[in-house]
Amino acid sequence: MATACPLDCPDSCSLSVTVRDGRVTEIDGGHDNPVTNGYICAKVRRFAERLYGDARLRYPLVRTGGKAQPSFARVDWDEALALVAARIGTVRNEWGAEAIVPFCYGGSNGYV
């Protein structure tokens, strides 16, 4: 299956993903993007391990402890989404929309 990388870098790599019985079994570079032409980084190549790994989060958690000694509590999806929406709204109201997604955006590279 042809698709695109979900990461937030400027390369926009195309991907070739093999799915068997509803599960991703292999991820490789696709050739639809002539700039990357079959190349993908190591972290994307191993996405399937994270997708099905034991350490994967399966439900939302909210930090209840401080950053030095964090603890987390499970919440339902409605509560988690409402909390995220409220915090994004607070940032937008206090600092402006560019504090959320800058107008001149280059993925994780910041201002180049």
PDB file of N, CA and C in Angstrom:
ATOM      1  N   MET A   1       0.850  -1.162   0.000  1.00  0.00           N
ATOM      2  CA  MET A   1       0.000   0.000   0.000  1.00  0.00           C
ATOM      3  C   MET A   1       0.902   1.233   0.000  1.00  0.00           C
ATOM      4  N   ALA A   2       0.625   2.166  -0.870  1.00  0.00           N
ATOM      5  CA  ALA A   2       1.376   3.413  -0.938  1.00  0.00           C
ATOM      6  C   ALA A   2       0.759   4.415   0.024  1.00  0.00           C
ATOM      7  N   THR A   3       1.606   5.068   0.802  1.00  0.00           N
ATOM      8  CA  THR A   3       1.142   6.075   1.757  1.00  0.00           C
ATOM      9  C   THR A   3       2.278   7.073   1.975  1.00  0.00           C
ATOM     10  N   ALA A   4       2.128   7.935   2.965  1.00  0.00           N
ATOM     11  CA  ALA A   4       3.135   8.950   3.246  1.00  0.00           C
ATOM     12  C   ALA A   4       3.535   8.890   4.710  1.00  0.00           C
ATOM     13  N   CYS A   5       4.718   9.335   4.999  1.00  0.00           N
ATOM     14  CA  CYS A   5       5.237   9.339   6.364  1.00  0.00           C
ATOM     15  C   CYS A   5       4.417  10.279   7.244  1.00  0.00           C
ATOM     16  N   PRO A   6       4.092   9.866   8.473  1.00  0.00           N
ATOM     17  CA  PRO A   6       3.316  10.718   9.366  1.00  0.00           C
ATOM     18  C   PRO A   6       4.163  11.691  10.185  1.00  0.00           C
ATOM     19  N   LEU A   7       5.478  11.606  10.074  1.00  0.00           N
ATOM     20  CA  LEU A   7       6.324  12.477  10.890  1.00  0.00           C
ATOM     21  C   LEU A   7       6.296  13.907  10.389  1.00  0.00           C
ATOM     22  N   ASP A   8       6.778  14.779  11.233  1.00  0.00           N
ATOM     23  CA  ASP A   8       6.658  16.209  11.020  1.00  0.00           C
ATOM     24  C   ASP A   8       7.962  16.821  10.527  1.00  0.00           C
ATOM     25  N   CYS A   9       8.631  16.173   9.602  1.00  0.00           N
ATOM     26  CA  CYS A   9       9.864  16.734   9.059  1.00  0.00           C
ATOM     27  C   CYS A   9       9.596  17.205   7.628  1.00  0.00           C
ATOM     28  N   PRO A  10      10.464  17.964   7.044  1.00  0.00           N
ATOM     29  CA  PRO A  10      10.179  18.537   5.722  1.00  0.00           C
ATOM     30  C   PRO A  10      10.373  17.577   4.554  1.00  0.00           C
ATOM     31  N   ASP A  11      10.813  16.347   4.775  1.00  0.00           N
ATOM     32  CA  ASP A  11      11.114  15.451   3.659  1.00  0.00           C
ATOM     33  C   ASP A  11       9.882  14.888   2.962  1.00  0.00           C
ATOM     34  N   SER A  12       8.783  14.718   3.680  1.00  0.00           N
ATOM     35  CA  SER A  12       7.548  14.174   3.099  1.00  0.00           C
ATOM     36  C   SER A  12       7.789  12.855   2.378  1.00  0.00           C
ATOM     37  N   CYS A  13       8.448  11.938   3.042  1.00  0.00           N
ATOM     38  CA  CYS A  13       8.791  10.651   2.426  1.00  0.00           C
ATOM     39  C   CYS A  13       7.546   9.872   2.040  1.00  0.00           C
ATOM     40  N   SER A  14       7.602   9.234   0.886  1.00  0.00           N
ATOM     41  CA  SER A  14       6.544   8.309   0.508  1.00  0.00           C
ATOM     42  C   SER A  14       6.926   6.940   1.072  1.00  0.00           C
ATOM     43  N   LEU A  15       5.908   6.169   1.424  1.00  0.00           N
ATOM     44  CA  LEU A  15       6.138   4.872   2.050  1.00  0.00           C
ATOM     45  C   LEU A  15       5.441   3.777   1.257  1.00  0.00           C
ATOM     46  N   SER A  16       6.011   2.603   1.338  1.00  0.00           N
ATOM     47  CA  SER A  16       5.393   1.387   0.839  1.00  0.00           C
ATOM     48  C   SER A  16       5.181   0.493   2.055  1.00  0.00           C
ATOM     49  N   VAL A  17       3.935   0.249   2.408  1.00  0.00           N
ATOM     50  CA  VAL A  17       3.595  -0.488   3.624  1.00  0.00           C
ATOM     51  C   VAL A  17       2.928  -1.803   3.248  1.00  0.00           C
ATOM     52  N   THR A  18       3.436  -2.879   3.809  1.00  0.00           N
ATOM     53  CA  THR A  18       2.845  -4.203   3.591  1.00  0.00           C
ATOM     54  C   THR A  18       1.948  -4.531   4.777  1.00  0.00           C
ATOM     55  N   VAL A  19       0.702  -4.899   4.477  1.00  0.00           N
ATOM     56  CA  VAL A  19      -0.275  -5.256   5.511  1.00  0.00           C
ATOM     57  C   VAL A  19      -0.753  -6.675   5.227  1.00  0.00           C
ATOM     58  N   ARG A  20      -0.671  -7.514   6.247  1.00  0.00           N
ATOM     59  CA  ARG A  20      -1.173  -8.900   6.135  1.00  0.00           C
ATOM     60  C   ARG A  20      -2.120  -9.163   7.295  1.00  0.00           C
ATOM     61  N   ASP A  21      -3.285  -9.678   6.975  1.00  0.00           N
ATOM     62  CA  ASP A  21      -4.306  -9.970   7.992  1.00  0.00           C
ATOM     63  C   ASP A  21      -4.579  -8.766   8.884  1.00  0.00           C
ATOM     64  N   GLY A  22      -4.611  -7.577   8.286  1.00  0.00           N
ATOM     65  CA  GLY A  22      -4.942  -6.372   9.027  1.00  0.00           C
ATOM     66  C   GLY A  22      -3.820  -5.794   9.870  1.00  0.00           C
ATOM     67  N   ARG A  23      -2.610  -6.336   9.743  1.00  0.00           N
ATOM     68  CA  ARG A  23      -1.479  -5.842  10.538  1.00  0.00           C
ATOM     69  C   ARG A  23      -0.336  -5.420   9.631  1.00  0.00           C
ATOM     70  N   VAL A  24       0.306  -4.310  10.001  1.00  0.00           N
ATOM     71  CA  VAL A  24       1.481  -3.852   9.265  1.00  0.00           C
ATOM     72  C   VAL A  24       2.610  -4.847   9.509  1.00  0.00           C
ATOM     73  N   THR A  25       3.189  -5.367   8.428  1.00  0.00           N
ATOM     74  CA  THR A  25       4.288  -6.329   8.573  1.00  0.00           C
ATOM     75  C   THR A  25       5.618  -5.765   8.096  1.00  0.00           C
ATOM     76  N   GLU A  26       5.564  -4.764   7.213  1.00  0.00           N
ATOM     77  CA  GLU A  26       6.813  -4.193   6.699  1.00  0.00           C
ATOM     78  C   GLU A  26       6.572  -2.760   6.239  1.00  0.00           C
ATOM     79  N   ILE A  27       7.545  -1.896   6.496  1.00  0.00           N
ATOM     80  CA  ILE A  27       7.503  -0.511   6.034  1.00  0.00           C
ATOM     81  C   ILE A  27       8.808  -0.236   5.306  1.00  0.00           C
ATOM     82  N   ASP A  28       8.683   0.254   4.099  1.00  0.00           N
ATOM     83  CA  ASP A  28       9.866   0.579   3.297  1.00  0.00           C
ATOM     84  C   ASP A  28       9.630   1.909   2.604  1.00  0.00           C
ATOM     85  N   GLY A  29      10.678   2.471   2.053  1.00  0.00           N
ATOM     86  CA  GLY A  29      10.559   3.719   1.323  1.00  0.00           C
ATOM     87  C   GLY A  29       9.836   3.516   0.009  1.00  0.00           C
ATOM     88  N   GLY A  30       8.938   4.441  -0.301  1.00  0.00           N
ATOM     89  CA  GLY A  30       8.244   4.413  -1.577  1.00  0.00           C
ATOM     90  C   GLY A  30       8.983   5.276  -2.586  1.00  0.00           C
ATOM     91  N   HIS A  31       8.562   5.217  -3.825  1.00  0.00           N
ATOM     92  CA  HIS A  31       9.239   5.957  -4.884  1.00  0.00           C
ATOM     93  C   HIS A  31       8.372   7.064  -5.474  1.00  0.00           C
ATOM     94  N   ASP A  32       7.258   7.409  -4.799  1.00  0.00           N
ATOM     95  CA  ASP A  32       6.387   8.471  -5.297  1.00  0.00           C
ATOM     96  C   ASP A  32       6.990   9.855  -5.104  1.00  0.00           C
ATOM     97  N   ASN A  33       7.817  10.028  -4.101  1.00  0.00           N
ATOM     98  CA  ASN A  33       8.485  11.309  -3.877  1.00  0.00           C
ATOM     99  C   ASN A  33       9.873  11.215  -4.500  1.00  0.00           C
ATOM    100  N   PRO A  34      10.128  11.961  -5.580  1.00  0.00           N
ATOM    101  CA  PRO A  34      11.423  11.842  -6.254  1.00  0.00           C
ATOM    102  C   PRO A  34      12.592  12.370  -5.427  1.00  0.00           C
ATOM    103  N   VAL A  35      12.317  13.188  -4.439  1.00  0.00           N
ATOM    104  CA  VAL A  35      13.402  13.714  -3.600  1.00  0.00           C
ATOM    105  C   VAL A  35      13.959  12.630  -2.695  1.00  0.00           C
ATOM    106  N   THR A  36      13.079  11.862  -2.058  1.00  0.00           N
ATOM    107  CA  THR A  36      13.545  10.810  -1.149  1.00  0.00           C
ATOM    108  C   THR A  36      13.713   9.477  -1.872  1.00  0.00           C
ATOM    109  N   ASN A  37      12.966   9.234  -2.936  1.00  0.00           N
ATOM    110  CA  ASN A  37      13.138   8.108  -3.848  1.00  0.00           C
ATOM    111  C   ASN A  37      13.533   6.785  -3.178  1.00  0.00           C
ATOM    112  N   GLY A  38      12.660   6.298  -2.288  1.00  0.00           N
ATOM    113  CA  GLY A  38      12.900   4.998  -1.669  1.00  0.00           C
ATOM    114  C   GLY A  38      13.568   5.056  -0.309  1.00  0.00           C
ATOM    115  N   TYR A  39      14.020   6.238   0.095  1.00  0.00           N
ATOM    116  CA  TYR A  39      14.693   6.371   1.390  1.00  0.00           C
ATOM    117  C   TYR A  39      13.659   6.634   2.486  1.00  0.00           C
ATOM    118  N   ILE A  40      13.844   6.021   3.644  1.00  0.00           N
ATOM    119  CA  ILE A  40      13.129   6.408   4.864  1.00  0.00           C
ATOM    120  C   ILE A  40      14.102   6.285   6.025  1.00  0.00           C
ATOM    121  N   CYS A  41      13.859   7.053   7.070  1.00  0.00           N
ATOM    122  CA  CYS A  41      14.744   7.015   8.234  1.00  0.00           C
ATOM    123  C   CYS A  41      14.492   5.746   9.066  1.00  0.00           C
ATOM    124  N   ALA A  42      15.423   5.450   9.942  1.00  0.00           N
ATOM    125  CA  ALA A  42      15.349   4.232  10.756  1.00  0.00           C
ATOM    126  C   ALA A  42      14.136   4.227  11.683  1.00  0.00           C
ATOM    127  N   LYS A  43      13.756   5.394  12.208  1.00  0.00           N
ATOM    128  CA  LYS A  43      12.630   5.397  13.146  1.00  0.00           C
ATOM    129  C   LYS A  43      11.320   5.060  12.450  1.00  0.00           C
ATOM    130  N   VAL A  44      11.155   5.486  11.187  1.00  0.00           N
ATOM    131  CA  VAL A  44       9.929   5.155  10.463  1.00  0.00           C
ATOM    132  C   VAL A  44       9.945   3.687  10.039  1.00  0.00           C
ATOM    133  N   ARG A  45      11.085   3.208   9.648  1.00  0.00           N
ATOM    134  CA  ARG A  45      11.193   1.807   9.236  1.00  0.00           C
ATOM    135  C   ARG A  45      10.748   0.875  10.370  1.00  0.00           C
ATOM    136  N   ARG A  46      10.872   1.313  11.617  1.00  0.00           N
ATOM    137  CA  ARG A  46      10.529   0.472  12.774  1.00  0.00           C
ATOM    138  C   ARG A  46       9.185   0.841  13.410  1.00  0.00           C
ATOM    139  N   PHE A  47       8.364   1.599  12.715  1.00  0.00           N
ATOM    140  CA  PHE A  47       7.063   1.995  13.261  1.00  0.00           C
ATOM    141  C   PHE A  47       6.198   0.803  13.658  1.00  0.00           C
ATOM    142  N   ALA A  48       6.232  -0.259  12.902  1.00  0.00           N
ATOM    143  CA  ALA A  48       5.397  -1.421  13.224  1.00  0.00           C
ATOM    144  C   ALA A  48       5.723  -1.971  14.614  1.00  0.00           C
ATOM    145  N   GLU A  49       6.992  -1.903  15.007  1.00  0.00           N
ATOM    146  CA  GLU A  49       7.365  -2.371  16.348  1.00  0.00           C
ATOM    147  C   GLU A  49       6.699  -1.522  17.421  1.00  0.00           C
ATOM    148  N   ARG A  50       6.614  -0.227  17.191  1.00  0.00           N
ATOM    149  CA  ARG A  50       5.951   0.647  18.161  1.00  0.00           C
ATOM    150  C   ARG A  50       4.440   0.491  18.083  1.00  0.00           C
ATOM    151  N   LEU A  51       3.931   0.258  16.891  1.00  0.00           N
ATOM    152  CA  LEU A  51       2.494   0.123  16.694  1.00  0.00           C
ATOM    153  C   LEU A  51       1.928  -1.053  17.481  1.00  0.00           C
ATOM    154  N   TYR A  52       2.683  -2.148  17.535  1.00  0.00           N
ATOM    155  CA  TYR A  52       2.202  -3.359  18.202  1.00  0.00           C
ATOM    156  C   TYR A  52       2.988  -3.705  19.468  1.00  0.00           C
ATOM    157  N   GLY A  53       3.903  -2.855  19.884  1.00  0.00           N
ATOM    158  CA  GLY A  53       4.767  -3.148  21.018  1.00  0.00           C
ATOM    159  C   GLY A  53       4.060  -3.099  22.361  1.00  0.00           C
ATOM    160  N   ASP A  54       4.647  -3.748  23.334  1.00  0.00           N
ATOM    161  CA  ASP A  54       4.071  -3.801  24.681  1.00  0.00           C
ATOM    162  C   ASP A  54       4.040  -2.433  25.368  1.00  0.00           C
ATOM    163  N   ALA A  55       4.926  -1.518  24.984  1.00  0.00           N
ATOM    164  CA  ALA A  55       5.002  -0.209  25.629  1.00  0.00           C
ATOM    165  C   ALA A  55       4.002   0.795  25.041  1.00  0.00           C
ATOM    166  N   ARG A  56       3.247   0.392  24.028  1.00  0.00           N
ATOM    167  CA  ARG A  56       2.298   1.303  23.381  1.00  0.00           C
ATOM    168  C   ARG A  56       1.173   1.675  24.337  1.00  0.00           C
ATOM    169  N   LEU A  57       0.859   2.975  24.388  1.00  0.00           N
ATOM    170  CA  LEU A  57      -0.272   3.434  25.186  1.00  0.00           C
ATOM    171  C   LEU A  57      -1.562   3.044  24.483  1.00  0.00           C
ATOM    172  N   ARG A  58      -2.493   2.516  25.240  1.00  0.00           N
ATOM    173  CA  ARG A  58      -3.748   2.052  24.655  1.00  0.00           C
ATOM    174  C   ARG A  58      -4.948   2.880  25.102  1.00  0.00           C
ATOM    175  N   TYR A  59      -4.734   3.828  25.986  1.00  0.00           N
ATOM    176  CA  TYR A  59      -5.799   4.696  26.479  1.00  0.00           C
ATOM    177  C   TYR A  59      -5.151   5.974  26.984  1.00  0.00           C
ATOM    178  N   PRO A  60      -5.922   7.066  27.093  1.00  0.00           N
ATOM    179  CA  PRO A  60      -5.332   8.345  27.508  1.00  0.00           C
ATOM    180  C   PRO A  60      -4.973   8.358  28.994  1.00  0.00           C
ATOM    181  N   LEU A  61      -3.895   9.056  29.283  1.00  0.00           N
ATOM    182  CA  LEU A  61      -3.429   9.259  30.647  1.00  0.00           C
ATOM    183  C   LEU A  61      -3.213  10.749  30.869  1.00  0.00           C
ATOM    184  N   VAL A  62      -3.463  11.207  32.084  1.00  0.00           N
ATOM    185  CA  VAL A  62      -3.219  12.592  32.470  1.00  0.00           C
ATOM    186  C   VAL A  62      -2.212  12.581  33.600  1.00  0.00           C
ATOM    187  N   ARG A  63      -1.186  13.436  33.472  1.00  0.00           N
ATOM    188  CA  ARG A  63      -0.175  13.493  34.529  1.00  0.00           C
ATOM    189  C   ARG A  63      -0.790  14.087  35.787  1.00  0.00           C
ATOM    190  N   THR A  64      -0.614  13.397  36.906  1.00  0.00           N
ATOM    191  CA  THR A  64      -1.135  13.867  38.181  1.00  0.00           C
ATOM    192  C   THR A  64      -0.017  14.292  39.116  1.00  0.00           C
ATOM    193  N   GLY A  65       1.197  13.855  38.867  1.00  0.00           N
ATOM    194  CA  GLY A  65       2.337  14.244  39.684  1.00  0.00           C
ATOM    195  C   GLY A  65       3.149  15.325  38.991  1.00  0.00           C
ATOM    196  N   GLY A  66       4.123  15.861  39.688  1.00  0.00           N
ATOM    197  CA  GLY A  66       4.997  16.865  39.111  1.00  0.00           C
ATOM    198  C   GLY A  66       5.942  16.265  38.089  1.00  0.00           C
ATOM    199  N   LYS A  67       6.677  17.134  37.389  1.00  0.00           N
ATOM    200  CA  LYS A  67       7.592  16.641  36.353  1.00  0.00           C
ATOM    201  C   LYS A  67       8.743  15.840  36.946  1.00  0.00           C
ATOM    202  N   ALA A  68       9.155  16.148  38.158  1.00  0.00           N
ATOM    203  CA  ALA A  68      10.270  15.431  38.780  1.00  0.00           C
ATOM    204  C   ALA A  68       9.885  13.995  39.139  1.00  0.00           C
ATOM    205  N   GLN A  69       8.664  13.805  39.604  1.00  0.00           N
ATOM    206  CA  GLN A  69       8.178  12.474  39.970  1.00  0.00           C
ATOM    207  C   GLN A  69       6.775  12.294  39.395  1.00  0.00           C
ATOM    208  N   PRO A  70       6.693  12.103  38.091  1.00  0.00           N
ATOM    209  CA  PRO A  70       5.372  12.057  37.463  1.00  0.00           C
ATOM    210  C   PRO A  70       4.606  10.789  37.808  1.00  0.00           C
ATOM    211  N   SER A  71       3.331  10.948  37.948  1.00  0.00           N
ATOM    212  CA  SER A  71       2.421   9.813  38.028  1.00  0.00           C
ATOM    213  C   SER A  71       1.259  10.141  37.095  1.00  0.00           C
ATOM    214  N   PHE A  72       0.550   9.132  36.681  1.00  0.00           N
ATOM    215  CA  PHE A  72      -0.477   9.316  35.671  1.00  0.00           C
ATOM    216  C   PHE A  72      -1.751   8.615  36.091  1.00  0.00           C
ATOM    217  N   ALA A  73      -2.878   9.211  35.678  1.00  0.00           N
ATOM    218  CA  ALA A  73      -4.185   8.615  35.938  1.00  0.00           C
ATOM    219  C   ALA A  73      -4.885   8.375  34.601  1.00  0.00           C
ATOM    220  N   ARG A  74      -5.541   7.249  34.497  1.00  0.00           N
ATOM    221  CA  ARG A  74      -6.290   6.929  33.284  1.00  0.00           C
ATOM    222  C   ARG A  74      -7.561   7.774  33.253  1.00  0.00           C
ATOM    223  N   VAL A  75      -7.869   8.332  32.084  1.00  0.00           N
ATOM    224  CA  VAL A  75      -9.100   9.089  31.885  1.00  0.00           C
ATOM    225  C   VAL A  75      -9.782   8.565  30.622  1.00  0.00           C
ATOM    226  N   ASP A  76     -11.069   8.899  30.474  1.00  0.00           N
ATOM    227  CA  ASP A  76     -11.742   8.464  29.253  1.00  0.00           C
ATOM    228  C   ASP A  76     -11.419   9.431  28.116  1.00  0.00           C
ATOM    229  N   TRP A  77     -11.748   9.024  26.895  1.00  0.00           N
ATOM    230  CA  TRP A  77     -11.386   9.806  25.711  1.00  0.00           C
ATOM    231  C   TRP A  77     -12.044  11.177  25.717  1.00  0.00           C
ATOM    232  N   ASP A  78     -13.293  11.279  26.140  1.00  0.00           N
ATOM    233  CA  ASP A  78     -13.972  12.581  26.156  1.00  0.00           C
ATOM    234  C   ASP A  78     -13.266  13.560  27.084  1.00  0.00           C
ATOM    235  N   GLU A  79     -12.881  13.090  28.262  1.00  0.00           N
ATOM    236  CA  GLU A  79     -12.167  13.950  29.206  1.00  0.00           C
ATOM    237  C   GLU A  79     -10.805  14.372  28.658  1.00  0.00           C
ATOM    238  N   ALA A  80     -10.088  13.440  28.045  1.00  0.00           N
ATOM    239  CA  ALA A  80      -8.770  13.742  27.491  1.00  0.00           C
ATOM    240  C   ALA A  80      -8.868  14.769  26.367  1.00  0.00           C
ATOM    241  N   LEU A  81      -9.811  14.574  25.449  1.00  0.00           N
ATOM    242  CA  LEU A  81      -9.970  15.515  24.338  1.00  0.00           C
ATOM    243  C   LEU A  81     -10.417  16.887  24.825  1.00  0.00           C
ATOM    244  N   ALA A  82     -11.296  16.934  25.821  1.00  0.00           N
ATOM    245  CA  ALA A  82     -11.731  18.217  26.376  1.00  0.00           C
ATOM    246  C   ALA A  82     -10.556  18.947  27.031  1.00  0.00           C
ATOM    247  N   LEU A  83      -9.694  18.219  27.730  1.00  0.00           N
ATOM    248  CA  LEU A  83      -8.526  18.823  28.371  1.00  0.00           C
ATOM    249  C   LEU A  83      -7.560  19.389  27.332  1.00  0.00           C
ATOM    250  N   VAL A  84      -7.293  18.632  26.277  1.00  0.00           N
ATOM    251  CA  VAL A  84      -6.401  19.105  25.211  1.00  0.00           C
ATOM    252  C   VAL A  84      -6.992  20.344  24.543  1.00  0.00           C
ATOM    253  N   ALA A  85      -8.279  20.306  24.212  1.00  0.00           N
ATOM    254  CA  ALA A  85      -8.921  21.456  23.573  1.00  0.00           C
ATOM    255  C   ALA A  85      -8.868  22.693  24.466  1.00  0.00           C
ATOM    256  N   ALA A  86      -9.108  22.520  25.763  1.00  0.00           N
ATOM    257  CA  ALA A  86      -9.060  23.658  26.691  1.00  0.00           C
ATOM    258  C   ALA A  86      -7.660  24.242  26.774  1.00  0.00           C
ATOM    259  N   ARG A  87      -6.650  23.387  26.837  1.00  0.00           N
ATOM    260  CA  ARG A  87      -5.276  23.890  26.939  1.00  0.00           C
ATOM    261  C   ARG A  87      -4.814  24.562  25.657  1.00  0.00           C
ATOM    262  N   ILE A  88      -5.199  24.029  24.511  1.00  0.00           N
ATOM    263  CA  ILE A  88      -4.873  24.689  23.246  1.00  0.00           C
ATOM    264  C   ILE A  88      -5.569  26.053  23.185  1.00  0.00           C
ATOM    265  N   GLY A  89      -6.824  26.119  23.618  1.00  0.00           N
ATOM    266  CA  GLY A  89      -7.549  27.394  23.646  1.00  0.00           C
ATOM    267  C   GLY A  89      -6.879  28.418  24.547  1.00  0.00           C
ATOM    268  N   THR A  90      -6.401  27.979  25.696  1.00  0.00           N
ATOM    269  CA  THR A  90      -5.705  28.880  26.615  1.00  0.00           C
ATOM    270  C   THR A  90      -4.433  29.434  25.985  1.00  0.00           C
ATOM    271  N   VAL A  91      -3.659  28.571  25.355  1.00  0.00           N
ATOM    272  CA  VAL A  91      -2.424  29.018  24.692  1.00  0.00           C
ATOM    273  C   VAL A  91      -2.757  30.006  23.578  1.00  0.00           C
ATOM    274  N   ARG A  92      -3.749  29.675  22.763  1.00  0.00           N
ATOM    275  CA  ARG A  92      -4.147  30.568  21.662  1.00  0.00           C
ATOM    276  C   ARG A  92      -4.585  31.926  22.184  1.00  0.00           C
ATOM    277  N   ASN A  93      -5.398  31.937  23.246  1.00  0.00           N
ATOM    278  CA  ASN A  93      -5.896  33.198  23.789  1.00  0.00           C
ATOM    279  C   ASN A  93      -4.800  34.035  24.426  1.00  0.00           C
ATOM    280  N   GLU A  94      -3.840  33.381  25.064  1.00  0.00           N
ATOM    281  CA  GLU A  94      -2.778  34.118  25.765  1.00  0.00           C
ATOM    282  C   GLU A  94      -1.627  34.509  24.841  1.00  0.00           C
ATOM    283  N   TRP A  95      -1.250  33.639  23.922  1.00  0.00           N
ATOM    284  CA  TRP A  95      -0.041  33.847  23.131  1.00  0.00           C
ATOM    285  C   TRP A  95      -0.285  33.969  21.627  1.00  0.00           C
ATOM    286  N   GLY A  96      -1.486  33.661  21.173  1.00  0.00           N
ATOM    287  CA  GLY A  96      -1.803  33.724  19.747  1.00  0.00           C
ATOM    288  C   GLY A  96      -1.664  32.362  19.095  1.00  0.00           C
ATOM    289  N   ALA A  97      -2.294  32.226  17.924  1.00  0.00           N
ATOM    290  CA  ALA A  97      -2.331  30.942  17.224  1.00  0.00           C
ATOM    291  C   ALA A  97      -0.942  30.463  16.818  1.00  0.00           C
ATOM    292  N   GLU A  98      -0.026  31.414  16.578  1.00  0.00           N
ATOM    293  CA  GLU A  98       1.311  31.003  16.144  1.00  0.00           C
ATOM    294  C   GLU A  98       2.085  30.274  17.247  1.00  0.00           C
ATOM    295  N   ALA A  99       1.633  30.381  18.484  1.00  0.00           N
ATOM    296  CA  ALA A  99       2.250  29.619  19.572  1.00  0.00           C
ATOM    297  C   ALA A  99       1.905  28.133  19.456  1.00  0.00           C
ATOM    298  N   ILE A 100       0.881  27.812  18.688  1.00  0.00           N
ATOM    299  CA  ILE A 100       0.481  26.417  18.498  1.00  0.00           C
ATOM    300  C   ILE A 100       1.131  25.863  17.234  1.00  0.00           C
ATOM    301  N   VAL A 101       0.929  26.516  16.100  1.00  0.00           N
ATOM    302  CA  VAL A 101       1.573  26.131  14.846  1.00  0.00           C
ATOM    303  C   VAL A 101       2.077  27.419  14.192  1.00  0.00           C
ATOM    304  N   PRO A 102       3.376  27.619  14.181  1.00  0.00           N
ATOM    305  CA  PRO A 102       3.914  28.850  13.589  1.00  0.00           C
ATOM    306  C   PRO A 102       3.562  28.980  12.115  1.00  0.00           C
ATOM    307  N   PHE A 103       3.381  30.222  11.664  1.00  0.00           N
ATOM    308  CA  PHE A 103       3.064  30.485  10.260  1.00  0.00           C
ATOM    309  C   PHE A 103       4.172  29.989   9.353  1.00  0.00           C
ATOM    310  N   CYS A 104       5.424  30.265   9.707  1.00  0.00           N
ATOM    311  CA  CYS A 104       6.584  29.759   8.958  1.00  0.00           C
ATOM    312  C   CYS A 104       7.009  28.474   9.634  1.00  0.00           C
ATOM    313  N   TYR A 105       6.511  27.352   9.147  1.00  0.00           N
ATOM    314  CA  TYR A 105       6.688  26.095   9.858  1.00  0.00           C
ATOM    315  C   TYR A 105       7.555  25.149   9.067  1.00  0.00           C
ATOM    316  N   GLY A 106       8.564  24.594   9.703  1.00  0.00           N
ATOM    317  CA  GLY A 106       9.461  23.651   9.054  1.00  0.00           C
ATOM    318  C   GLY A 106       9.572  22.378   9.850  1.00  0.00           C
ATOM    319  N   GLY A 107       8.447  21.848  10.280  1.00  0.00           N
ATOM    320  CA  GLY A 107       8.484  20.619  11.053  1.00  0.00           C
ATOM    321  C   GLY A 107       9.229  20.816  12.353  1.00  0.00           C
ATOM    322  N   SER A 108      10.011  19.851  12.708  1.00  0.00           N
ATOM    323  CA  SER A 108      10.751  19.905  13.974  1.00  0.00           C
ATOM    324  C   SER A 108      12.046  20.702  13.839  1.00  0.00           C
ATOM    325  N   ASN A 109      12.266  21.314  12.672  1.00  0.00           N
ATOM    326  CA  ASN A 109      13.507  22.039  12.460  1.00  0.00           C
ATOM    327  C   ASN A 109      13.440  23.491  12.904  1.00  0.00           C
ATOM    328  N   GLY A 110      12.264  24.004  13.278  1.00  0.00           N
ATOM    329  CA  GLY A 110      12.138  25.388  13.683  1.00  0.00           C
ATOM    330  C   GLY A 110      12.388  26.325  12.525  1.00  0.00           C
ATOM    331  N   TYR A 111      12.829  27.527  12.823  1.00  0.00           N
ATOM    332  CA  TYR A 111      13.126  28.491  11.767  1.00  0.00           C
ATOM    333  C   TYR A 111      14.465  28.170  11.152  1.00  0.00           C
ATOM    334  N   VAL A 112      14.486  27.895   9.881  1.00  0.00           N
ATOM    335  CA  VAL A 112      15.724  27.549   9.176  1.00  0.00           C
ATOM    336  C   VAL A 112      16.211  28.773   8.433  1.00  0.00           C
TER     337      VAL A 112
END
